[in-house]
C-alpha atoms as a PDB file:
ATOM      1  CA  UNK A   1     148.854  76.077 220.933  1.00  0.00           C
ATOM      2  CA  UNK A   2     150.388  72.893 219.538  1.00  0.00           C
ATOM      3  CA  UNK A   3     151.413  71.728 223.019  1.00  0.00           C
ATOM      4  CA  UNK A   4     147.899  72.313 224.363  1.00  0.00           C
ATOM      5  CA  UNK A   5     146.406  70.358 221.467  1.00  0.00           C
ATOM      6  CA  UNK A   6     148.666  67.404 222.239  1.00  0.00           C
ATOM      7  CA  UNK A   7     147.310  67.018 225.790  1.00  0.00           C
ATOM      8  CA  UNK A   8     145.607  63.702 226.515  1.00  0.00           C
ATOM      9  CA  UNK A   9     141.832  63.413 226.760  1.00  0.00           C
ATOM     10  CA  UNK A  10     139.963  60.423 228.195  1.00  0.00           C
ATOM     11  CA  UNK A  11     137.364  58.967 225.812  1.00  0.00           C
ATOM     12  CA  UNK A  12     134.128  57.348 227.041  1.00  0.00           C
ATOM     13  CA  UNK A  13     131.733  55.318 224.931  1.00  0.00           C
ATOM     14  CA  UNK A  14     128.000  56.016 224.893  1.00  0.00           C
ATOM     15  CA  UNK A  15     127.595  53.897 228.037  1.00  0.00           C
ATOM     16  CA  UNK A  16     130.121  56.098 229.904  1.00  0.00           C
ATOM     17  CA  UNK A  17     132.786  53.378 229.884  1.00  0.00           C
ATOM     18  CA  UNK A  18     136.424  54.404 229.361  1.00  0.00           C
ATOM     19  CA  UNK A  19     137.588  53.053 225.997  1.00  0.00           C
ATOM     20  CA  UNK A  20     140.534  55.162 224.878  1.00  0.00           C
ATOM     21  CA  UNK A  21     142.776  58.185 225.226  1.00  0.00           C
ATOM     22  CA  UNK A  22     143.161  60.655 222.366  1.00  0.00           C
ATOM     23  CA  UNK A  23     144.770  64.030 221.788  1.00  0.00           C
ATOM     24  CA  UNK A  24     142.971  67.272 222.572  1.00  0.00           C
ATOM     25  CA  UNK A  25     143.142  68.071 218.843  1.00  0.00           C
ATOM     26  CA  UNK A  26     141.224  64.886 218.039  1.00  0.00           C
ATOM     27  CA  UNK A  27     138.766  65.485 220.884  1.00  0.00           C
ATOM     28  CA  UNK A  28     137.953  69.012 219.665  1.00  0.00           C
ATOM     29  CA  UNK A  29     137.471  67.698 216.128  1.00  0.00           C
ATOM     30  CA  UNK A  30     134.999  65.068 217.367  1.00  0.00           C
ATOM     31  CA  UNK A  31     133.255  67.739 219.428  1.00  0.00           C
ATOM     32  CA  UNK A  32     133.035  70.189 216.502  1.00  0.00           C
ATOM     33  CA  UNK A  33     131.699  67.475 214.153  1.00  0.00           C
ATOM     34  CA  UNK A  34     128.979  66.536 216.653  1.00  0.00           C
ATOM     35  CA  UNK A  35     130.336  63.040 217.310  1.00  0.00           C
ATOM     36  CA  UNK A  36     131.158  63.717 220.965  1.00  0.00           C
ATOM     37  CA  UNK A  37     130.306  65.898 223.940  1.00  0.00           C
ATOM     38  CA  UNK A  38     132.522  67.178 226.724  1.00  0.00           C
ATOM     39  CA  UNK A  39     132.009  65.612 230.148  1.00  0.00           C
ATOM     40  CA  UNK A  40     132.664  68.047 232.968  1.00  0.00           C
ATOM     41  CA  UNK A  41     132.287  67.380 236.686  1.00  0.00           C
ATOM     42  CA  UNK A  42     131.586  69.959 239.343  1.00  0.00           C
ATOM     43  CA  UNK A  43     133.043  70.063 242.861  1.00  0.00           C
ATOM     44  CA  UNK A  44     130.267  67.800 244.143  1.00  0.00           C
ATOM     45  CA  UNK A  45     131.041  65.025 241.645  1.00  0.00           C
ATOM     46  CA  UNK A  46     128.090  65.650 239.343  1.00  0.00           C
ATOM     47  CA  UNK A  47     128.914  65.282 235.648  1.00  0.00           C
ATOM     48  CA  UNK A  48     127.264  67.250 232.859  1.00  0.00           C
ATOM     49  CA  UNK A  49     127.713  67.055 229.096  1.00  0.00           C
ATOM     50  CA  UNK A  50     128.264  69.953 226.693  1.00  0.00           C
ATOM     51  CA  UNK A  51     128.097  70.142 222.907  1.00  0.00           C
ATOM     52  CA  UNK A  52     130.533  72.347 220.983  1.00  0.00           C
ATOM     53  CA  UNK A  53     128.721  75.666 221.335  1.00  0.00           C
ATOM     54  CA  UNK A  54     127.789  75.003 224.975  1.00  0.00           C
ATOM     55  CA  UNK A  55     131.380  74.101 225.832  1.00  0.00           C
ATOM     56  CA  UNK A  56     132.747  77.117 223.972  1.00  0.00           C
ATOM     57  CA  UNK A  57     130.501  79.406 226.048  1.00  0.00           C
ATOM     58  CA  UNK A  58     131.040  77.524 229.311  1.00  0.00           C
ATOM     59  CA  UNK A  59     134.819  77.462 229.020  1.00  0.00           C
ATOM     60  CA  UNK A  60     135.338  81.156 228.393  1.00  0.00           C
ATOM     61  CA  UNK A  61     137.824  82.653 230.819  1.00  0.00           C
ATOM     62  CA  UNK A  62     140.004  79.586 231.212  1.00  0.00           C
ATOM     63  CA  UNK A  63     143.751  80.156 231.262  1.00  0.00           C
ATOM     64  CA  UNK A  64     145.831  79.909 228.094  1.00  0.00           C
ATOM     65  CA  UNK A  65     147.305  76.625 229.342  1.00  0.00           C
ATOM     66  CA  UNK A  66     143.806  75.126 229.514  1.00  0.00           C
ATOM     67  CA  UNK A  67     142.396  76.538 226.282  1.00  0.00           C
ATOM     68  CA  UNK A  68     143.179  77.205 222.643  1.00  0.00           C
ATOM     69  CA  UNK A  69     142.321  80.281 220.633  1.00  0.00           C
ATOM     70  CA  UNK A  70     140.908  80.884 217.186  1.00  0.00           C
ATOM     71  CA  UNK A  71     140.503  84.210 215.405  1.00  0.00           C
ATOM     72  CA  UNK A  72     137.159  84.860 217.079  1.00  0.00           C
ATOM     73  CA  UNK A  73     137.058  82.882 220.346  1.00  0.00           C
ATOM     74  CA  UNK A  74     138.876  80.681 222.838  1.00  0.00           C
ATOM     75  CA  UNK A  75     137.690  77.218 223.830  1.00  0.00           C
ATOM     76  CA  UNK A  76     138.719  75.046 226.751  1.00  0.00           C
ATOM     77  CA  UNK A  77     140.735  71.859 226.362  1.00  0.00           C
ATOM     78  CA  UNK A  78     138.358  69.028 227.329  1.00  0.00           C
ATOM     79  CA  UNK A  79     139.617  66.435 229.816  1.00  0.00           C
ATOM     80  CA  UNK A  80     136.926  63.813 229.190  1.00  0.00           C
ATOM     81  CA  UNK A  81     134.693  63.354 226.137  1.00  0.00           C
ATOM     82  CA  UNK A  82     131.674  61.119 225.546  1.00  0.00           C
ATOM     83  CA  UNK A  83     131.198  59.468 222.142  1.00  0.00           C
ATOM     84  CA  UNK A  84     127.569  59.736 221.054  1.00  0.00           C
ATOM     85  CA  UNK A  85     127.334  56.735 218.731  1.00  0.00           C
ATOM     86  CA  UNK A  86     129.771  54.178 220.128  1.00  0.00           C
ATOM     87  CA  UNK A  87     128.435  51.822 222.777  1.00  0.00           C
ATOM     88  CA  UNK A  88     130.740  48.819 222.675  1.00  0.00           C
ATOM     89  CA  UNK A  89     134.046  47.855 224.177  1.00  0.00           C
ATOM     90  CA  UNK A  90     136.229  46.751 221.265  1.00  0.00           C
ATOM     91  CA  UNK A  91     137.303  43.183 222.100  1.00  0.00           C
ATOM     92  CA  UNK A  92     139.783  42.512 219.355  1.00  0.00           C
ATOM     93  CA  UNK A  93     142.310  39.724 219.229  1.00  0.00           C
ATOM     94  CA  UNK A  94     145.528  40.748 220.931  1.00  0.00           C
ATOM     95  CA  UNK A  95     148.239  40.952 218.295  1.00  0.00           C
ATOM     96  CA  UNK A  96     150.954  38.374 218.840  1.00  0.00           C
ATOM     97  CA  UNK A  97     153.956  40.685 218.695  1.00  0.00           C
ATOM     98  CA  UNK A  98     157.278  40.973 220.466  1.00  0.00           C
ATOM     99  CA  UNK A  99     156.113  44.267 221.994  1.00  0.00           C
ATOM    100  CA  UNK A 100     152.920  42.762 223.414  1.00  0.00           C
ATOM    101  CA  UNK A 101     154.773  39.780 224.883  1.00  0.00           C
ATOM    102  CA  UNK A 102     157.073  42.195 226.705  1.00  0.00           C
ATOM    103  CA  UNK A 103     153.970  44.103 227.868  1.00  0.00           C
ATOM    104  CA  UNK A 104     152.293  40.928 229.124  1.00  0.00           C
ATOM    105  CA  UNK A 105     155.413  39.827 231.030  1.00  0.00           C
ATOM    106  CA  UNK A 106     156.169  43.393 232.195  1.00  0.00           C
ATOM    107  CA  UNK A 107     159.769  43.260 230.944  1.00  0.00           C
ATOM    108  CA  UNK A 108     160.461  40.598 233.568  1.00  0.00           C
ATOM    109  CA  UNK A 109     162.388  37.355 233.081  1.00  0.00           C
ATOM    110  CA  UNK A 110     159.900  34.567 233.648  1.00  0.00           C
ATOM    111  CA  UNK A 111     162.594  32.329 235.134  1.00  0.00           C
ATOM    112  CA  UNK A 112     164.472  34.553 237.611  1.00  0.00           C
ATOM    113  CA  UNK A 113     161.955  37.424 238.091  1.00  0.00           C
ATOM    114  CA  UNK A 114     164.455  40.159 237.210  1.00  0.00           C
ATOM    115  CA  UNK A 115     162.968  43.213 235.502  1.00  0.00           C
ATOM    116  CA  UNK A 116     165.341  44.498 232.835  1.00  0.00           C
ATOM    117  CA  UNK A 117     165.640  46.769 229.828  1.00  0.00           C
ATOM    118  CA  UNK A 118     164.228  45.135 226.727  1.00  0.00           C
ATOM    119  CA  UNK A 119     167.676  45.037 225.110  1.00  0.00           C
ATOM    120  CA  UNK A 120     168.719  42.665 227.914  1.00  0.00           C
ATOM    121  CA  UNK A 121     165.770  40.311 227.377  1.00  0.00           C
ATOM    122  CA  UNK A 122     165.103  37.554 224.850  1.00  0.00           C
ATOM    123  CA  UNK A 123     161.957  35.665 223.919  1.00  0.00           C
ATOM    124  CA  UNK A 124     162.181  32.004 224.840  1.00  0.00           C
ATOM    125  CA  UNK A 125     160.196  28.960 223.687  1.00  0.00           C
ATOM    126  CA  UNK A 126     159.292  27.169 226.935  1.00  0.00           C
ATOM    127  CA  UNK A 127     159.110  23.879 225.017  1.00  0.00           C
ATOM    128  CA  UNK A 128     161.913  24.178 222.437  1.00  0.00           C
ATOM    129  CA  UNK A 129     160.888  24.431 218.810  1.00  0.00           C
ATOM    130  CA  UNK A 130     162.755  21.296 217.791  1.00  0.00           C
ATOM    131  CA  UNK A 131     160.741  19.430 220.450  1.00  0.00           C
ATOM    132  CA  UNK A 132     157.549  20.547 218.738  1.00  0.00           C
ATOM    133  CA  UNK A 133     157.036  23.660 220.868  1.00  0.00           C
ATOM    134  CA  UNK A 134     154.755  26.120 219.032  1.00  0.00           C
ATOM    135  CA  UNK A 135     155.315  29.853 218.641  1.00  0.00           C
ATOM    136  CA  UNK A 136     152.226  30.900 220.590  1.00  0.00           C
ATOM    137  CA  UNK A 137     151.223  33.026 223.586  1.00  0.00           C
ATOM    138  CA  UNK A 138     151.195  29.871 225.710  1.00  0.00           C
ATOM    139  CA  UNK A 139     154.759  28.839 224.828  1.00  0.00           C
ATOM    140  CA  UNK A 140     156.701  32.121 224.569  1.00  0.00           C
ATOM    141  CA  UNK A 141     158.038  34.058 227.574  1.00  0.00           C
ATOM    142  CA  UNK A 142     160.481  36.859 228.308  1.00  0.00           C
ATOM    143  CA  UNK A 143     163.854  35.551 229.431  1.00  0.00           C
ATOM    144  CA  UNK A 144     167.025  37.326 230.501  1.00  0.00           C
ATOM    145  CA  UNK A 145     170.140  36.432 228.542  1.00  0.00           C
ATOM    146  CA  UNK A 146     171.783  34.407 231.392  1.00  0.00           C
ATOM    147  CA  UNK A 147     168.633  32.308 231.928  1.00  0.00           C
ATOM    148  CA  UNK A 148     168.180  31.897 228.189  1.00  0.00           C
ATOM    149  CA  UNK A 149     171.780  30.707 227.856  1.00  0.00           C
ATOM    150  CA  UNK A 150     171.396  28.334 230.801  1.00  0.00           C
ATOM    151  CA  UNK A 151     168.186  26.852 229.465  1.00  0.00           C
ATOM    152  CA  UNK A 152     169.562  26.483 225.918  1.00  0.00           C
ATOM    153  CA  UNK A 153     167.652  23.846 223.972  1.00  0.00           C
ATOM    154  CA  UNK A 154     166.041  22.201 226.982  1.00  0.00           C
ATOM    155  CA  UNK A 155     162.788  22.363 228.899  1.00  0.00           C
ATOM    156  CA  UNK A 156     162.765  24.459 232.091  1.00  0.00           C
ATOM    157  CA  UNK A 157     162.760  21.286 234.228  1.00  0.00           C
ATOM    158  CA  UNK A 158     165.736  19.866 232.375  1.00  0.00           C
ATOM    159  CA  UNK A 159     167.644  23.119 232.933  1.00  0.00           C
ATOM    160  CA  UNK A 160     166.708  23.345 236.615  1.00  0.00           C
ATOM    161  CA  UNK A 161     164.515  26.394 235.996  1.00  0.00           C
ATOM    162  CA  UNK A 162     160.945  27.093 236.995  1.00  0.00           C
ATOM    163  CA  UNK A 163     158.478  29.488 235.366  1.00  0.00           C
ATOM    164  CA  UNK A 164     157.328  32.417 237.500  1.00  0.00           C
ATOM    165  CA  UNK A 165     153.864  32.070 235.977  1.00  0.00           C
ATOM    166  CA  UNK A 166     152.274  30.006 233.248  1.00  0.00           C
ATOM    167  CA  UNK A 167     152.200  32.009 229.996  1.00  0.00           C
ATOM    168  CA  UNK A 168     148.707  32.787 228.722  1.00  0.00           C
ATOM    169  CA  UNK A 169     147.034  34.731 225.961  1.00  0.00           C
ATOM    170  CA  UNK A 170     146.002  38.152 227.349  1.00  0.00           C
ATOM    171  CA  UNK A 171     142.248  38.390 227.885  1.00  0.00           C
ATOM    172  CA  UNK A 172     142.035  41.992 226.742  1.00  0.00           C
ATOM    173  CA  UNK A 173     143.806  44.022 224.161  1.00  0.00           C
ATOM    174  CA  UNK A 174     146.099  46.197 226.310  1.00  0.00           C
ATOM    175  CA  UNK A 175     144.760  49.728 226.527  1.00  0.00           C
ATOM    176  CA  UNK A 176     146.844  52.823 226.013  1.00  0.00           C
ATOM    177  CA  UNK A 177     148.839  52.727 229.235  1.00  0.00           C
ATOM    178  CA  UNK A 178     148.093  55.632 231.543  1.00  0.00           C
ATOM    179  CA  UNK A 179     151.196  56.369 233.561  1.00  0.00           C
ATOM    180  CA  UNK A 180     149.799  57.002 237.028  1.00  0.00           C
ATOM    181  CA  UNK A 181     153.167  58.451 238.067  1.00  0.00           C
ATOM    182  CA  UNK A 182     152.669  61.238 235.536  1.00  0.00           C
ATOM    183  CA  UNK A 183     150.216  64.131 235.838  1.00  0.00           C
ATOM    184  CA  UNK A 184     146.655  62.938 235.283  1.00  0.00           C
ATOM    185  CA  UNK A 185     143.560  65.071 235.405  1.00  0.00           C
ATOM    186  CA  UNK A 186     141.415  64.471 238.495  1.00  0.00           C
ATOM    187  CA  UNK A 187     138.271  64.081 236.385  1.00  0.00           C
ATOM    188  CA  UNK A 188     139.656  60.836 234.915  1.00  0.00           C
ATOM    189  CA  UNK A 189     139.746  58.982 238.221  1.00  0.00           C
ATOM    190  CA  UNK A 190     136.000  58.404 238.341  1.00  0.00           C
ATOM    191  CA  UNK A 191     136.129  56.430 235.103  1.00  0.00           C
ATOM    192  CA  UNK A 192     139.341  54.441 235.566  1.00  0.00           C
ATOM    193  CA  UNK A 193     137.944  51.285 237.128  1.00  0.00           C
ATOM    194  CA  UNK A 194     139.186  48.478 234.859  1.00  0.00           C
ATOM    195  CA  UNK A 195     142.421  46.602 235.492  1.00  0.00           C
ATOM    196  CA  UNK A 196     142.873  46.118 231.757  1.00  0.00           C
ATOM    197  CA  UNK A 197     141.414  48.394 229.170  1.00  0.00           C
ATOM    198  CA  UNK A 198     140.663  47.177 225.775  1.00  0.00           C
ATOM    199  CA  UNK A 199     142.302  49.057 222.969  1.00  0.00           C
ATOM    200  CA  UNK A 200     145.676  48.247 221.506  1.00  0.00           C
ATOM    201  CA  UNK A 201     148.580  50.380 222.622  1.00  0.00           C
ATOM    202  CA  UNK A 202     148.869  53.504 220.542  1.00  0.00           C
ATOM    203  CA  UNK A 203     145.471  53.151 218.908  1.00  0.00           C
ATOM    204  CA  UNK A 204     143.512  56.364 218.510  1.00  0.00           C
ATOM    205  CA  UNK A 205     139.804  57.024 218.070  1.00  0.00           C
ATOM    206  CA  UNK A 206     138.853  56.837 214.405  1.00  0.00           C
END
């Protein structure tokens, strides 16, 4: 049961916009408390919503892998839920952290374009700190150790280096990354239409 309850569920706001991913355990809790409904699509692409009792009745007969049991009934693991009282996309300030800089630069050295393990990357001030370079989104980039050593306490131009792209503050808070190489339920595809989602990595529905 515990493995089934850890499956990922896509969360939509009241306007049917994808805003998060949560665990099946959390989704069933929201469903039971009346804060969400299950969204289920038929073979023709029509989506219907179900409250807790409707979903419990509708999902009878699903396999053990797709449902969880209580003492008196089984209920299906939802794949998509709709929040009933949440209609905004949370546009919060992106936290300025080492992790998020690596995410923005995709673990790629911004001088030589090599993608590396994070242990083989440093964070570099484009304009060195002792030249007045600030510690901001616009002045910090991922750099491999050889490029970082070559650049030392100089500007990229002085070191004969060129930035792959100008560093910028991300426009959106990075959403929980959905690994499209991993199994993903077909019913999600209809709702995954934003290049960047808008909730910080690892954040769950509260």
